[in-house]
Protein backbone atom coordinates (compact mmCIF):
# COMPACT_ATOMS: atom_id res chain seq x y z
CA MET A 1 -53.50 30.28 47.40
CA THR A 2 -56.27 31.75 49.55
CA SER A 3 -60.01 31.96 49.37
CA SER A 4 -59.79 35.64 48.46
CA SER A 5 -57.65 35.01 45.38
CA THR A 6 -59.95 32.68 43.45
CA SER A 7 -63.62 33.10 42.58
CA LEU A 8 -66.44 30.71 43.36
CA THR A 9 -66.97 30.04 39.66
CA THR A 10 -63.32 29.07 39.28
CA TRP A 11 -63.53 26.60 42.17
CA GLN A 12 -66.67 25.08 40.70
CA ASP A 13 -64.95 24.74 37.33
CA ARG A 14 -61.98 23.08 39.00
CA ALA A 15 -64.22 20.62 40.84
CA ASP A 16 -66.01 19.81 37.57
CA HIS A 17 -62.67 19.19 35.89
CA ALA A 18 -61.65 16.83 38.70
CA ALA A 19 -64.96 15.00 38.33
CA ARG A 20 -64.44 14.63 34.58
CA SER A 21 -60.87 13.46 35.11
CA VAL A 22 -61.67 10.76 37.66
CA THR A 23 -64.80 9.46 35.95
CA GLY A 24 -63.08 9.52 32.55
CA LEU A 25 -59.88 7.78 33.58
CA PHE A 26 -61.28 5.29 36.10
CA GLY A 27 -65.02 4.87 35.47
CA ARG A 28 -66.62 2.17 33.35
CA ASN A 29 -69.57 -0.20 33.29
CA LEU A 30 -69.29 -3.48 35.15
CA LEU A 31 -68.91 -6.27 32.56
CA PHE A 32 -70.72 -4.21 29.91
CA LEU A 33 -73.89 -4.32 32.04
CA PRO A 34 -76.19 -1.37 31.32
CA GLY A 35 -77.20 0.69 34.31
CA THR A 36 -73.98 -0.05 36.19
CA HIS A 37 -70.87 1.92 36.97
CA LEU A 38 -67.67 1.15 38.86
CA ALA A 39 -64.20 2.64 39.17
CA ALA A 40 -61.00 0.80 38.36
CA VAL A 41 -58.56 0.87 41.28
CA VAL A 42 -55.60 1.77 39.03
CA TRP A 43 -55.09 3.75 35.82
CA GLN A 44 -51.77 3.51 34.06
CA GLY A 45 -51.99 4.81 30.53
CA LYS A 46 -50.42 3.27 27.47
CA HIS A 47 -46.81 2.84 28.57
CA PRO A 48 -46.12 1.36 32.03
CA ALA A 49 -43.12 2.94 33.72
CA GLN A 50 -40.18 0.61 34.29
CA VAL A 51 -37.70 3.11 35.72
CA PRO A 52 -36.67 3.65 39.34
CA PRO A 53 -38.09 6.72 41.11
CA ARG A 54 -36.15 9.94 41.10
CA ALA A 55 -34.96 11.47 44.36
CA GLY A 56 -37.95 12.57 46.38
CA GLN A 57 -40.37 10.47 44.33
CA ASP A 58 -42.75 7.97 45.95
CA ALA A 59 -41.45 4.46 45.29
CA GLU A 60 -44.96 3.07 45.86
CA ALA A 61 -46.41 5.30 43.17
CA THR A 62 -43.77 4.50 40.57
CA ALA A 63 -42.92 0.83 41.13
CA PRO A 64 -43.57 -1.48 38.14
CA LEU A 65 -46.69 -3.61 38.38
CA PRO A 66 -46.05 -7.22 39.40
CA GLY A 67 -45.91 -8.86 36.01
CA LYS A 68 -46.73 -7.90 32.43
CA TRP A 69 -49.96 -9.84 32.58
CA LEU A 70 -51.27 -7.74 35.45
CA ALA A 71 -50.25 -4.51 33.76
CA ALA A 72 -52.18 -5.59 30.67
CA LEU A 73 -55.11 -6.69 32.78
CA ARG A 74 -55.31 -3.35 34.51
CA ARG A 75 -55.68 -1.69 31.16
CA ALA A 76 -58.29 -4.17 29.99
CA ARG A 77 -61.88 -2.99 30.21
CA PRO A 78 -64.08 -4.04 31.83
CA ALA A 79 -63.21 -7.62 32.82
CA ALA A 80 -60.36 -6.50 35.07
CA SER A 81 -62.86 -5.10 37.56
CA LEU A 82 -63.71 -8.63 38.66
CA VAL A 83 -60.18 -9.85 39.29
CA LEU A 84 -58.33 -6.78 40.53
CA PRO A 85 -58.37 -6.07 44.29
CA TRP A 86 -61.80 -4.98 45.50
CA HIS A 87 -61.77 -1.75 47.53
CA TYR A 88 -65.35 -1.38 48.73
CA TRP A 89 -64.73 1.80 50.71
CA TRP A 90 -62.94 3.55 47.83
CA GLN A 91 -66.10 3.04 45.79
CA ALA A 92 -68.22 4.36 48.67
CA HIS A 93 -66.22 7.59 48.63
CA TYR A 94 -66.58 7.69 44.87
CA VAL A 95 -70.36 7.75 45.49
CA ASP A 96 -69.87 10.64 47.92
CA CYS A 97 -67.77 12.59 45.41
CA LEU A 98 -70.46 12.19 42.76
CA VAL A 99 -73.06 13.41 45.25
CA ASP A 100 -70.89 16.48 45.91
CA THR A 101 -70.90 17.17 42.18
CA GLY A 102 -74.64 16.52 42.07
CA TRP A 103 -75.25 19.23 44.67
CA ARG A 104 -73.37 21.69 42.49
CA GLU A 105 -75.40 20.60 39.47
CA LEU A 106 -78.49 21.29 41.55
CA GLY A 107 -77.18 24.79 42.25
CA GLY A 108 -76.95 25.27 38.49
CA GLY A 109 -80.61 24.36 38.06
CA ALA A 110 -80.25 20.56 37.72
CA THR A 111 -80.59 20.96 33.95
CA PRO A 112 -78.67 18.99 31.30
CA ALA A 113 -76.58 22.11 30.69
CA ALA A 114 -75.44 22.05 34.34
CA ARG A 115 -74.08 18.50 34.17
CA PHE A 116 -70.38 18.22 34.96
CA ASN A 117 -69.61 16.11 31.88
CA GLY A 118 -71.89 17.74 29.34
CA PRO A 119 -75.63 17.73 28.57
CA ASP A 120 -75.51 14.39 26.72
CA GLN A 121 -74.04 12.53 29.71
CA PRO A 122 -75.84 11.24 32.83
CA SER A 123 -76.08 13.58 35.78
CA ALA A 124 -73.73 13.05 38.70
CA GLY A 125 -76.61 11.76 40.84
CA HIS A 126 -77.66 9.29 38.15
CA LEU A 127 -74.07 8.07 37.82
CA ALA A 128 -73.85 7.68 41.62
CA SER A 129 -76.97 5.54 41.55
CA ARG A 130 -75.45 3.33 38.85
CA LEU A 131 -72.33 3.06 40.99
CA VAL A 132 -74.30 1.78 43.97
CA THR A 133 -75.81 -0.86 41.68
CA GLY A 134 -72.35 -1.78 40.44
CA MET A 135 -71.07 -2.09 43.99
CA ARG A 136 -73.77 -4.56 44.92
CA LEU A 137 -73.08 -6.74 41.88
CA ARG A 138 -69.31 -6.62 42.38
CA ASN A 139 -69.71 -7.38 46.10
CA ALA A 140 -71.44 -10.73 45.45
CA LEU A 141 -75.00 -9.32 45.41
CA THR A 142 -74.80 -7.82 48.89
CA PHE A 143 -73.82 -4.56 50.54
CA VAL A 144 -72.48 -6.34 53.63
CA ASN A 145 -68.76 -6.92 53.99
CA SER A 146 -66.29 -7.69 56.75
CA TYR A 147 -65.45 -4.10 57.74
CA TYR A 148 -67.89 -1.93 59.61
CA ASP A 149 -66.18 1.31 58.61
CA ASP A 150 -66.53 0.42 54.91
CA MET A 151 -70.23 -0.15 55.37
CA ALA A 152 -70.65 3.07 57.37
CA TRP A 153 -69.15 5.13 54.54
CA LEU A 154 -71.58 3.60 52.04
CA ALA A 155 -74.52 4.15 54.38
CA LEU A 156 -73.59 7.82 54.73
CA ALA A 157 -73.15 8.18 50.98
CA THR A 158 -76.51 6.64 50.10
CA LEU A 159 -78.22 8.80 52.72
CA ARG A 160 -76.83 11.89 50.99
CA LEU A 161 -77.75 10.45 47.59
CA ASP A 162 -81.38 10.16 48.68
CA LYS A 163 -81.39 13.74 49.96
CA LEU A 164 -80.06 14.86 46.59
CA ALA A 165 -82.87 12.96 44.87
CA GLU A 166 -85.42 14.68 47.10
CA GLU A 167 -84.01 18.11 46.27
CA THR A 168 -84.15 17.40 42.54
CA ARG A 169 -87.81 16.39 42.97
CA ARG A 170 -87.10 12.80 42.06
CA PRO A 171 -88.13 10.06 44.44
CA GLY A 172 -85.29 8.54 46.43
CA ARG A 173 -84.29 5.12 45.24
CA ARG A 174 -85.91 2.41 47.32
CA ARG A 175 -82.69 0.54 46.76
CA ASN A 176 -80.80 3.14 48.81
CA ALA A 177 -83.22 2.66 51.68
CA ARG A 178 -82.62 -1.08 51.44
CA VAL A 179 -78.89 -0.44 51.67
CA ARG A 180 -79.35 1.27 54.99
CA ALA A 181 -81.88 -1.30 56.18
CA ALA A 182 -79.28 -3.98 55.52
CA LEU A 183 -76.37 -2.10 57.06
CA THR A 184 -77.92 -0.56 60.18
CA PRO A 185 -78.22 -3.95 61.96
CA GLN A 186 -74.55 -4.50 61.14
CA PHE A 187 -73.65 -1.32 62.99
CA ASP A 188 -75.89 -2.20 65.90
CA SER A 189 -74.14 -5.54 66.27
CA ALA A 190 -70.71 -3.87 66.16
CA CYS A 191 -71.52 -1.34 68.91
CA THR A 192 -71.08 -3.32 72.12
CA ASP A 193 -69.98 -2.79 75.71
CA ASP A 194 -66.67 -4.55 75.06
CA LEU A 195 -63.77 -2.20 75.90
CA GLY A 196 -66.34 0.13 77.42
CA GLY A 197 -68.18 0.95 74.20
CA GLY A 198 -67.31 2.01 70.69
CA THR A 199 -67.62 0.15 67.38
CA PHE A 200 -65.67 -2.86 66.19
CA TRP A 201 -63.60 -2.31 63.08
CA SER A 202 -64.13 -5.73 61.50
CA LYS A 203 -65.98 -8.95 62.00
CA LYS A 204 -62.95 -10.38 63.75
CA ARG A 205 -64.30 -8.25 66.63
CA ASP A 206 -60.89 -7.82 68.24
CA PHE A 207 -60.30 -4.10 67.64
CA LYS A 208 -62.40 -0.99 68.11
CA ASN A 209 -61.27 2.19 66.46
CA THR A 210 -61.99 5.74 65.40
CA PRO A 211 -62.37 4.85 61.66
CA ALA A 212 -65.42 2.72 62.47
CA THR A 213 -66.83 4.46 65.54
CA ALA A 214 -66.86 8.00 64.13
CA PRO A 215 -68.71 7.37 60.83
CA VAL A 216 -71.20 5.10 62.61
CA ALA A 217 -71.78 7.89 65.15
CA LEU A 218 -72.32 10.33 62.29
CA PHE A 219 -74.73 7.94 60.58
CA TYR A 220 -76.70 7.48 63.81
CA ALA A 221 -76.81 11.26 64.30
CA ARG A 222 -78.10 11.85 60.77
CA THR A 223 -80.79 9.18 61.10
CA GLY A 224 -82.24 10.39 64.40
CA ARG A 225 -80.43 8.11 66.83
CA ARG A 226 -78.76 10.94 68.67
CA ASP A 227 -78.34 9.21 72.01
CA GLN A 228 -76.42 6.32 70.44
CA ALA A 229 -74.32 8.79 68.47
CA GLN A 230 -73.47 10.77 71.59
CA SER A 231 -72.58 7.58 73.43
CA LEU A 232 -70.10 6.63 70.72
CA LEU A 233 -68.53 10.09 70.85
CA GLY A 234 -68.29 9.75 74.60
CA TRP A 235 -66.35 6.50 74.18
CA LEU A 236 -64.00 8.14 71.71
CA ASP A 237 -63.37 11.02 74.11
CA ALA A 238 -62.74 8.67 77.03
CA THR A 239 -60.65 6.06 75.22
CA LEU A 240 -58.99 7.46 72.10
CA PHE A 241 -58.75 11.22 72.58
CA ASP A 242 -55.22 12.41 73.31
CA PRO A 243 -55.58 15.58 75.40
CA ASP A 244 -51.94 16.56 74.90
CA GLN A 245 -52.36 16.74 71.14
CA GLY A 246 -56.08 17.43 70.99
CA LEU A 247 -56.52 14.69 68.37
CA TYR A 248 -58.12 11.25 68.17
CA LEU A 249 -55.89 8.18 68.15
CA ASP A 250 -56.48 5.16 65.96
CA GLY A 251 -57.96 2.39 68.10
CA ALA A 252 -57.90 0.02 71.06
CA ARG A 253 -57.87 -3.72 71.66
CA LEU A 254 -58.02 -5.98 74.69
CA GLY A 255 -54.56 -7.09 75.83
CA PRO A 256 -53.67 -10.61 77.02
CA ALA A 257 -53.87 -9.52 80.64
CA GLY A 258 -57.31 -8.02 80.19
CA ASP A 259 -55.97 -4.48 79.87
CA VAL A 260 -56.90 -2.06 77.11
CA LEU A 261 -54.08 -1.50 74.61
CA VAL A 262 -54.35 1.75 72.65
CA GLU A 263 -52.96 2.05 69.13
CA ARG A 264 -51.54 5.57 69.19
CA SER A 265 -51.19 6.23 65.46
CA LEU A 266 -52.59 9.58 64.30
CA TYR A 267 -54.29 9.87 60.91
CA THR A 268 -55.90 12.84 59.23
CA TYR A 269 -59.11 11.09 58.30
CA ASN A 270 -59.88 9.99 61.85
CA GLN A 271 -60.43 13.62 62.79
CA GLY A 272 -62.89 14.25 59.95
CA PRO A 273 -65.91 12.12 60.83
CA VAL A 274 -65.50 12.95 64.53
CA LEU A 275 -65.72 16.61 63.55
CA GLY A 276 -68.78 15.86 61.42
CA ALA A 277 -70.55 14.02 64.26
CA LEU A 278 -69.76 16.79 66.77
CA LEU A 279 -71.29 19.38 64.43
CA GLU A 280 -74.28 17.21 63.59
CA LEU A 281 -75.18 16.70 67.25
CA GLY A 282 -74.41 20.27 68.29
CA GLY A 283 -74.70 21.57 71.83
CA ASP A 284 -72.15 23.67 73.69
CA ALA A 285 -69.83 20.82 74.67
CA ASN A 286 -69.75 19.24 71.21
CA LEU A 287 -69.24 22.56 69.46
CA ALA A 288 -66.42 23.49 71.82
CA ARG A 289 -64.73 20.17 71.03
CA ALA A 290 -65.24 20.78 67.31
CA ALA A 291 -63.54 24.19 67.49
CA ALA A 292 -60.66 22.76 69.51
CA LEU A 293 -60.29 19.91 67.03
CA VAL A 294 -59.97 22.33 64.11
CA ASP A 295 -57.24 24.16 66.01
CA SER A 296 -55.36 20.93 66.70
CA VAL A 297 -55.57 19.89 63.06
CA GLN A 298 -54.17 23.25 62.02
CA ARG A 299 -51.29 23.01 64.50
CA LEU A 300 -50.32 19.36 64.17
CA LEU A 301 -51.57 17.91 60.87
CA THR A 302 -50.16 20.45 58.43
CA VAL A 303 -46.83 20.45 56.60
CA PRO A 304 -44.90 23.01 54.58
CA ALA A 305 -45.49 22.83 50.86
CA GLY A 306 -42.61 20.78 49.48
CA GLU A 307 -39.73 21.92 47.34
CA GLY A 308 -40.83 22.19 43.74
CA SER A 309 -44.47 22.67 44.72
CA ALA A 310 -46.51 25.41 43.10
CA ALA A 311 -48.18 25.95 46.48
CA ALA A 312 -46.95 28.30 49.19
CA GLY A 313 -47.17 28.10 52.96
CA THR A 314 -48.66 25.03 54.62
CA VAL A 315 -51.11 22.36 53.52
CA LEU A 316 -52.79 19.43 55.21
CA ARG A 317 -50.57 16.42 55.64
CA CYS A 318 -51.29 13.57 53.24
CA GLU A 319 -50.89 9.90 54.08
CA GLY A 320 -49.40 8.36 50.93
CA THR A 321 -50.89 5.74 48.63
CA GLY A 322 -53.19 2.77 49.25
CA ASP A 323 -55.98 3.42 51.73
CA GLY A 324 -54.01 6.40 53.01
CA GLY A 325 -54.56 8.07 49.67
CA LEU A 326 -58.11 8.94 50.75
CA PHE A 327 -57.40 10.20 54.24
CA THR A 328 -56.85 13.92 53.76
CA GLY A 329 -59.72 14.27 51.30
CA ILE A 330 -62.07 12.89 53.94
CA LEU A 331 -60.80 15.44 56.47
CA CYS A 332 -61.38 18.24 53.94
CA ARG A 333 -65.02 17.20 53.53
CA TYR A 334 -65.75 17.76 57.21
CA LEU A 335 -63.56 20.84 57.59
CA ALA A 336 -65.81 22.39 54.95
CA LEU A 337 -68.73 21.81 57.29
CA ALA A 338 -66.89 23.54 60.11
CA ALA A 339 -65.88 26.45 57.88
CA ALA A 340 -69.52 27.28 57.18
CA ASP A 341 -71.04 26.61 60.60
CA ARG A 342 -72.05 29.87 62.30
CA ARG A 343 -72.19 28.19 65.68
CA LEU A 344 -68.39 27.93 65.76
CA PRO A 345 -66.13 30.85 66.69
CA GLU A 346 -64.99 32.93 63.73
CA ALA A 347 -61.36 31.91 64.27
CA ALA A 348 -62.20 28.21 63.99
CA ARG A 349 -64.29 28.77 60.88
CA ALA A 350 -61.57 30.81 59.24
CA ALA A 351 -58.93 28.19 60.08
CA ALA A 352 -61.06 25.38 58.65
CA ALA A 353 -61.71 27.37 55.47
CA ALA A 354 -58.02 28.14 54.97
CA LEU A 355 -57.01 24.51 55.49
CA VAL A 356 -59.47 23.36 52.85
CA VAL A 357 -58.84 26.06 50.26
CA ASP A 358 -55.06 26.06 50.59
CA THR A 359 -54.87 22.27 50.35
CA ALA A 360 -57.26 22.14 47.40
CA GLY A 361 -55.33 24.94 45.74
CA ALA A 362 -52.10 22.98 46.14
CA PHE A 363 -53.64 19.86 44.60
CA TRP A 364 -54.83 21.96 41.66
CA ALA A 365 -51.56 23.80 41.18
CA GLY A 366 -49.57 20.56 41.29
CA ALA A 367 -51.72 18.57 38.86
CA ARG A 368 -50.33 17.38 35.54
CA THR A 369 -52.17 16.99 32.25
CA VAL A 370 -52.74 13.62 30.58
CA GLY A 371 -51.19 13.75 27.13
CA THR A 372 -52.10 12.01 23.89
CA GLU A 373 -49.05 9.78 24.28
CA GLU A 374 -50.61 8.33 27.44
CA ALA A 375 -54.27 7.92 26.57
CA LYS A 376 -56.76 8.02 23.74
CA ALA A 377 -57.73 11.42 22.40
CA SER A 378 -60.97 11.60 24.39
CA LEU A 379 -59.00 11.45 27.66
CA ALA A 380 -56.24 13.85 26.70
CA GLY A 381 -56.46 17.02 28.76
CA ARG A 382 -57.74 15.27 31.89
CA SER A 383 -55.67 15.74 35.02
CA ILE A 384 -53.66 13.51 37.33
CA PHE A 385 -53.39 14.85 40.87
CA SER A 386 -50.48 14.28 43.20
CA VAL A 387 -50.29 11.83 46.08
CA HIS A 388 -49.29 14.75 48.33
CA ALA A 389 -50.82 18.22 48.18
CA GLY A 390 -47.44 19.87 48.65
CA GLN A 391 -45.66 18.01 45.82
CA PRO A 392 -46.27 18.18 42.06
CA ALA A 393 -47.93 15.26 40.33
CA ASP A 394 -45.16 14.94 37.76
CA ARG A 395 -42.95 13.88 40.66
CA THR A 396 -45.30 11.44 42.39
CA TYR A 397 -47.13 10.23 39.25
CA PRO A 398 -44.93 10.71 36.16
CA PRO A 399 -46.24 9.44 32.80
CA GLY A 400 -46.43 5.66 32.80
CA ALA A 401 -46.70 5.27 36.58
CA PRO A 402 -49.74 3.42 37.95
CA VAL A 403 -52.17 6.00 39.39
CA GLU A 404 -54.35 4.87 42.27
CA LEU A 405 -58.03 5.74 42.44
CA ALA A 406 -57.85 6.65 46.14
CA THR A 407 -55.42 9.51 45.60
CA GLN A 408 -57.48 10.97 42.78
CA LEU A 409 -60.66 10.81 44.84
CA GLN A 410 -58.77 12.61 47.61
CA ALA A 411 -57.93 15.57 45.39
CA TRP A 412 -61.47 15.63 43.96
CA MET A 413 -62.91 15.69 47.50
CA ALA A 414 -60.62 18.57 48.44
CA LEU A 415 -61.68 20.57 45.37
CA GLU A 416 -65.37 19.90 46.06
CA ALA A 417 -64.84 20.97 49.67
CA ALA A 418 -63.22 24.20 48.51
CA ALA A 419 -66.19 24.87 46.22
CA VAL A 420 -68.52 24.34 49.20
CA VAL A 421 -66.50 26.71 51.39
CA MET A 422 -66.54 29.41 48.71
CA SER A 423 -70.25 28.99 47.98
CA THR A 424 -71.50 29.09 51.54
CA GLY A 425 -69.41 31.84 53.07
CA PRO A 426 -70.72 32.55 56.56
CA ALA A 427 -73.92 30.56 56.10
CA ALA A 428 -74.35 27.14 57.65
CA VAL A 429 -74.04 24.13 55.38
CA PRO A 430 -76.85 21.56 55.68
CA PRO A 431 -75.55 18.08 56.52
CA ALA A 432 -76.67 16.69 53.18
CA ALA A 433 -74.61 19.20 51.22
CA ALA A 434 -71.13 18.56 52.58
C-alpha cells in the first residue's frame, strides 16, 4: 500500500477507527472516579484462550494467563487497574495518541461533530486531560517514578497537550505545567558528566542509554534549552552511534575496571526520538544526520511482509510484545516529522513517508474485527491490530488471546502518523502536531 493509493480522508477515518477501538476496549475511569481515565494493560474478551499457538504464532501473545483469578481480574472493571502491573510509559504514549487525534479534530473545526467517538463523547484532548489526572492518582499522587525515560515521555505528551489547548482557544491546564515543573528537575539530575554525559535510565544511576537521553534531549529542545539538548545529542553521537550501521545503540554502563561497556542492542524506537531532536534543533549538521538516519532505518530496520500478510513489500520491523510492542509506533511518529520537513532532501522525505504509510497500511490490512462472541454489542466491530505489521492479527491475536495495550497503541500511532504524512504533503509539520 502506498501513499498514492489511499486518500487523506480514508487515513483519517482509519486513525479515528483505531482511536475508537483502543479507547473502547482498554479505556475506563479509575475506580469509578469522575474526571479520570486510564487504560487497562490487557484486554481479553469473554473467552480466554487455552490452546497452544499455531505454527508461526507468537507464544507470548497466546499463552494462557497465570491463573483463572487473574484472567477474571483482568476483565473486571475498574478495580483491576489498581492491582494489575502499572506501565506508566504506556499511559504516557496513550496521552500522545489522544493528542494526535485531537489535532485531527482541530483540523475538522474542533466541533462536537468532529470528535473521533461521536458528538456526545468527550473530545480527544479532554480525554487526554482526564488520563493525565488518572495517571497521577494511579501513580500514588505523583508524576515522578523511577525511570527517567518514562517521565520524559509524559513531559513531551503534556507539552503537546498544552499546545493543543492553545490552538483550540482553551487555556492550557495549569496541571500540565506542574507536571513539567515536577519532572524537569528530575531530568536535570539525571544528566551528569558520568560516562562523559548523557542521561541515566533509572534512579539506580548505573546505566545511561538512548531511550532516556533522546526524549530528554527532545524535551529540552522544545522548551528552549537548546544547548543542553545539543550536548545530549553530542554524547549520543560520540558514545552510542554505530557508524557502520548508521544507527544508535541501546546504552552504556561503567565496567568494573572503569571502562565504558556499550550495550549494542538495536531497537526501532531508539532511532525515533533522536530523529525528532535532530529535526527540532535543525542546522546543517543535525539535518544531515537526520537524513542519514532515515536512510539507515530504511536499509536495516525493515522486514519483508510475512507469509499470509495482506501487505506487500517491506514494512518496519516490530519488536514483539511487552514494552517492545510500542517501539515501532514511536519510530513512525518521528518519521512522519521527517517526511514533511522541507529542510531534508526529497529522497529522505520520500523514504520516511513510505516507511510510515506502508507500515500503517500493513497494520490496517492485517487487523481483525472484534465479534459479538468476544465482547458486548457496543464493542463489536472494533479492531484488534497485530503485534507485527507484516503478520495478520488473527495469527498473533486470535479470539480469546490476551491483547496488550502497547501493541494496540503502536498500530494507532502508525495510523495517526500516516494521516499526518498524507495531510501535510511537502509542508513542514510543526513540532506540536506530530
